[in-house]
Amino acid sequence: GMNSDQWPMSSYSRRDWCYDPLETMPSSYIVFLQDRALPLIWQERFAHRLHTDQVLYIDAGHQGMMTRPHAFAELLLDAAEGES
């Protein structure tokens, strides 16, 4: 069912991914606070591994762009305005 949706274990445990080239690329990572497929701690871990400049949070589920499209768009627009 929907509540049992999980990423493959290799995405949690694999350690040999190389994200070093991303250190020089400006980026943001959006954390979905109500995500039942990917726990908050893992979303934040992935953001750290990707060397993101900023982590943004939205009170939405796994596909926030589908369930809260307006809030998601506002978050992106606010982030883009902050970069200029």
N, C-alpha and C. Protein backbone atom coordinates (compact mmCIF):
# COMPACT_ATOMS: atom_id res chain seq x y z
N GLY A 1 0.81 -1.18 0.00
CA GLY A 1 0.00 0.00 0.00
C GLY A 1 0.86 1.26 0.00
N MET A 2 0.21 2.40 0.01
CA MET A 2 0.90 3.67 -0.06
C MET A 2 1.82 3.89 1.14
N ASN A 3 1.43 3.47 2.32
CA ASN A 3 2.24 3.68 3.51
C ASN A 3 3.47 2.80 3.56
N SER A 4 3.54 1.77 2.73
CA SER A 4 4.69 0.88 2.75
C SER A 4 5.68 1.17 1.63
N ASP A 5 5.48 2.26 0.89
CA ASP A 5 6.36 2.65 -0.21
C ASP A 5 7.74 2.99 0.35
N GLN A 6 8.77 2.30 -0.11
CA GLN A 6 10.13 2.52 0.37
C GLN A 6 11.10 2.58 -0.80
N TRP A 7 12.18 3.34 -0.63
CA TRP A 7 13.26 3.37 -1.61
C TRP A 7 14.04 2.07 -1.48
N PRO A 8 14.74 1.68 -2.54
CA PRO A 8 15.59 0.48 -2.43
C PRO A 8 16.65 0.68 -1.34
N MET A 9 16.97 -0.38 -0.61
CA MET A 9 17.94 -0.26 0.48
C MET A 9 19.29 0.26 0.00
N SER A 10 19.66 -0.02 -1.24
CA SER A 10 20.95 0.46 -1.74
C SER A 10 21.03 1.98 -1.74
N SER A 11 19.89 2.65 -1.90
CA SER A 11 19.91 4.12 -1.88
C SER A 11 20.18 4.66 -0.48
N TYR A 12 19.89 3.87 0.54
CA TYR A 12 20.18 4.27 1.92
C TYR A 12 21.59 3.89 2.34
N SER A 13 22.05 2.72 1.90
CA SER A 13 23.29 2.17 2.45
C SER A 13 24.51 2.36 1.57
N ARG A 14 24.34 2.57 0.30
CA ARG A 14 25.50 2.71 -0.59
C ARG A 14 26.29 3.96 -0.23
N ARG A 15 27.60 3.86 -0.18
CA ARG A 15 28.44 4.97 0.25
C ARG A 15 29.41 5.46 -0.82
N ASP A 16 29.47 4.80 -1.97
CA ASP A 16 30.48 5.15 -2.95
C ASP A 16 29.98 6.09 -4.06
N TRP A 17 28.86 6.77 -3.82
CA TRP A 17 28.38 7.76 -4.78
C TRP A 17 29.35 8.94 -4.76
N CYS A 18 29.65 9.52 -5.88
CA CYS A 18 30.56 10.66 -5.94
C CYS A 18 29.78 11.94 -6.27
N TYR A 19 29.65 12.80 -5.27
CA TYR A 19 28.94 14.06 -5.45
C TYR A 19 29.88 15.26 -5.41
N ASP A 20 31.19 15.01 -5.38
CA ASP A 20 32.16 16.09 -5.26
C ASP A 20 32.00 17.18 -6.32
N PRO A 21 31.71 16.84 -7.58
CA PRO A 21 31.55 17.91 -8.58
C PRO A 21 30.43 18.90 -8.24
N LEU A 22 29.49 18.47 -7.40
CA LEU A 22 28.37 19.35 -7.04
C LEU A 22 28.76 20.43 -6.05
N GLU A 23 29.93 20.31 -5.44
CA GLU A 23 30.36 21.29 -4.45
C GLU A 23 30.45 22.69 -5.03
N THR A 24 30.74 22.80 -6.31
CA THR A 24 30.90 24.11 -6.94
C THR A 24 29.64 24.60 -7.65
N MET A 25 28.59 23.83 -7.61
CA MET A 25 27.35 24.18 -8.30
C MET A 25 26.31 24.68 -7.29
N PRO A 26 25.80 25.90 -7.47
CA PRO A 26 24.76 26.37 -6.55
C PRO A 26 23.53 25.46 -6.62
N SER A 27 22.98 25.11 -5.48
CA SER A 27 21.83 24.22 -5.48
C SER A 27 21.01 24.37 -4.20
N SER A 28 19.78 23.94 -4.31
CA SER A 28 18.86 23.89 -3.17
C SER A 28 18.26 22.50 -3.12
N TYR A 29 17.80 22.10 -1.95
CA TYR A 29 17.16 20.81 -1.77
C TYR A 29 15.87 21.07 -1.02
N ILE A 30 14.79 20.53 -1.50
CA ILE A 30 13.49 20.72 -0.86
C ILE A 30 13.14 19.47 -0.07
N VAL A 31 12.90 19.67 1.21
CA VAL A 31 12.51 18.59 2.12
C VAL A 31 10.99 18.64 2.28
N PHE A 32 10.34 17.49 2.08
CA PHE A 32 8.90 17.37 2.25
C PHE A 32 8.62 16.82 3.65
N LEU A 33 8.10 17.66 4.51
CA LEU A 33 7.94 17.31 5.92
C LEU A 33 6.95 16.17 6.19
N GLN A 34 6.01 15.96 5.29
CA GLN A 34 5.02 14.90 5.48
C GLN A 34 5.29 13.68 4.59
N ASP A 35 6.51 13.56 4.09
CA ASP A 35 6.87 12.46 3.19
C ASP A 35 6.86 11.14 3.96
N ARG A 36 6.04 10.21 3.52
CA ARG A 36 5.98 8.89 4.16
C ARG A 36 6.86 7.88 3.44
N ALA A 37 7.36 8.23 2.26
CA ALA A 37 8.21 7.31 1.51
C ALA A 37 9.68 7.49 1.85
N LEU A 38 10.08 8.73 2.15
CA LEU A 38 11.48 9.01 2.46
C LEU A 38 11.53 9.81 3.75
N PRO A 39 11.96 9.20 4.84
CA PRO A 39 11.96 9.87 6.14
C PRO A 39 12.77 11.17 6.14
N LEU A 40 12.37 12.08 6.99
CA LEU A 40 13.01 13.40 7.11
C LEU A 40 14.52 13.28 7.28
N ILE A 41 14.97 12.40 8.14
CA ILE A 41 16.41 12.27 8.39
C ILE A 41 17.16 11.90 7.11
N TRP A 42 16.55 11.08 6.26
CA TRP A 42 17.21 10.70 5.01
C TRP A 42 17.16 11.82 3.99
N GLN A 43 16.07 12.57 3.96
CA GLN A 43 16.02 13.72 3.05
C GLN A 43 17.13 14.70 3.41
N GLU A 44 17.31 14.97 4.71
CA GLU A 44 18.35 15.89 5.14
C GLU A 44 19.75 15.32 4.87
N ARG A 45 19.91 14.02 5.02
CA ARG A 45 21.18 13.37 4.71
C ARG A 45 21.52 13.51 3.23
N PHE A 46 20.53 13.29 2.38
CA PHE A 46 20.75 13.42 0.94
C PHE A 46 21.10 14.86 0.59
N ALA A 47 20.44 15.82 1.21
CA ALA A 47 20.75 17.23 0.96
C ALA A 47 22.20 17.52 1.31
N HIS A 48 22.65 16.99 2.43
CA HIS A 48 24.05 17.17 2.85
C HIS A 48 25.01 16.51 1.87
N ARG A 49 24.70 15.30 1.46
CA ARG A 49 25.57 14.58 0.52
C ARG A 49 25.68 15.30 -0.82
N LEU A 50 24.62 15.99 -1.21
CA LEU A 50 24.60 16.70 -2.49
C LEU A 50 25.25 18.08 -2.42
N HIS A 51 25.78 18.43 -1.24
CA HIS A 51 26.47 19.71 -1.04
C HIS A 51 25.57 20.90 -1.36
N THR A 52 24.32 20.84 -0.95
CA THR A 52 23.39 21.93 -1.27
C THR A 52 23.72 23.18 -0.47
N ASP A 53 23.47 24.32 -1.09
CA ASP A 53 23.70 25.61 -0.44
C ASP A 53 22.61 25.93 0.57
N GLN A 54 21.40 25.51 0.24
CA GLN A 54 20.28 25.76 1.15
C GLN A 54 19.30 24.61 1.12
N VAL A 55 18.73 24.33 2.27
CA VAL A 55 17.69 23.32 2.39
C VAL A 55 16.39 24.05 2.68
N LEU A 56 15.40 23.78 1.85
CA LEU A 56 14.09 24.41 2.00
C LEU A 56 13.12 23.35 2.50
N TYR A 57 12.15 23.79 3.28
CA TYR A 57 11.18 22.85 3.87
C TYR A 57 9.77 23.24 3.44
N ILE A 58 8.96 22.24 3.15
CA ILE A 58 7.55 22.47 2.82
C ILE A 58 6.71 21.40 3.52
N ASP A 59 5.59 21.82 4.06
CA ASP A 59 4.69 20.90 4.75
C ASP A 59 3.83 20.19 3.71
N ALA A 60 4.43 19.16 3.11
CA ALA A 60 3.76 18.42 2.05
C ALA A 60 4.27 16.99 2.06
N GLY A 61 3.55 16.13 1.34
CA GLY A 61 3.94 14.74 1.22
C GLY A 61 5.00 14.54 0.16
N HIS A 62 5.27 13.29 -0.16
CA HIS A 62 6.36 12.89 -1.05
C HIS A 62 6.34 13.63 -2.39
N GLN A 63 5.19 13.85 -2.93
CA GLN A 63 5.08 14.56 -4.21
C GLN A 63 4.40 15.91 -3.99
N GLY A 64 5.06 16.76 -3.26
CA GLY A 64 4.51 18.07 -2.92
C GLY A 64 4.14 18.91 -4.12
N MET A 65 4.84 18.69 -5.23
CA MET A 65 4.51 19.43 -6.45
C MET A 65 3.16 19.02 -7.02
N MET A 66 2.66 17.88 -6.57
CA MET A 66 1.34 17.43 -7.00
C MET A 66 0.27 17.75 -5.96
N THR A 67 0.60 17.58 -4.68
CA THR A 67 -0.41 17.75 -3.64
C THR A 67 -0.52 19.20 -3.16
N ARG A 68 0.56 19.97 -3.26
CA ARG A 68 0.55 21.38 -2.84
C ARG A 68 1.26 22.23 -3.89
N PRO A 69 0.76 22.21 -5.13
CA PRO A 69 1.48 22.86 -6.23
C PRO A 69 1.69 24.36 -6.03
N HIS A 70 0.72 25.06 -5.46
CA HIS A 70 0.87 26.51 -5.29
C HIS A 70 1.92 26.82 -4.23
N ALA A 71 1.89 26.12 -3.12
CA ALA A 71 2.88 26.32 -2.06
C ALA A 71 4.27 25.95 -2.56
N PHE A 72 4.35 24.88 -3.34
CA PHE A 72 5.63 24.46 -3.91
C PHE A 72 6.18 25.52 -4.85
N ALA A 73 5.31 26.05 -5.72
CA ALA A 73 5.74 27.11 -6.66
C ALA A 73 6.20 28.35 -5.91
N GLU A 74 5.47 28.74 -4.86
CA GLU A 74 5.87 29.91 -4.08
C GLU A 74 7.23 29.70 -3.43
N LEU A 75 7.47 28.51 -2.93
CA LEU A 75 8.76 28.19 -2.31
C LEU A 75 9.89 28.35 -3.33
N LEU A 76 9.68 27.83 -4.53
CA LEU A 76 10.69 27.94 -5.59
C LEU A 76 10.91 29.39 -6.01
N LEU A 77 9.83 30.12 -6.16
CA LEU A 77 9.96 31.54 -6.55
C LEU A 77 10.68 32.35 -5.49
N ASP A 78 10.34 32.12 -4.22
CA ASP A 78 11.02 32.83 -3.13
C ASP A 78 12.51 32.50 -3.12
N ALA A 79 12.85 31.24 -3.34
CA ALA A 79 14.25 30.82 -3.35
C ALA A 79 14.99 31.47 -4.51
N ALA A 80 14.34 31.52 -5.68
CA ALA A 80 14.96 32.13 -6.86
C ALA A 80 15.17 33.62 -6.66
N GLU A 81 14.23 34.30 -6.04
CA GLU A 81 14.37 35.72 -5.79
C GLU A 81 15.50 36.00 -4.82
N GLY A 82 15.71 35.10 -3.86
CA GLY A 82 16.78 35.27 -2.89
C GLY A 82 18.16 35.12 -3.49
N GLU A 83 18.25 34.47 -4.66
CA GLU A 83 19.54 34.25 -5.30
C GLU A 83 19.99 35.43 -6.14
N SER A 84 19.05 36.30 -6.53
CA SER A 84 19.43 37.40 -7.42
C SER A 84 19.97 38.59 -6.67
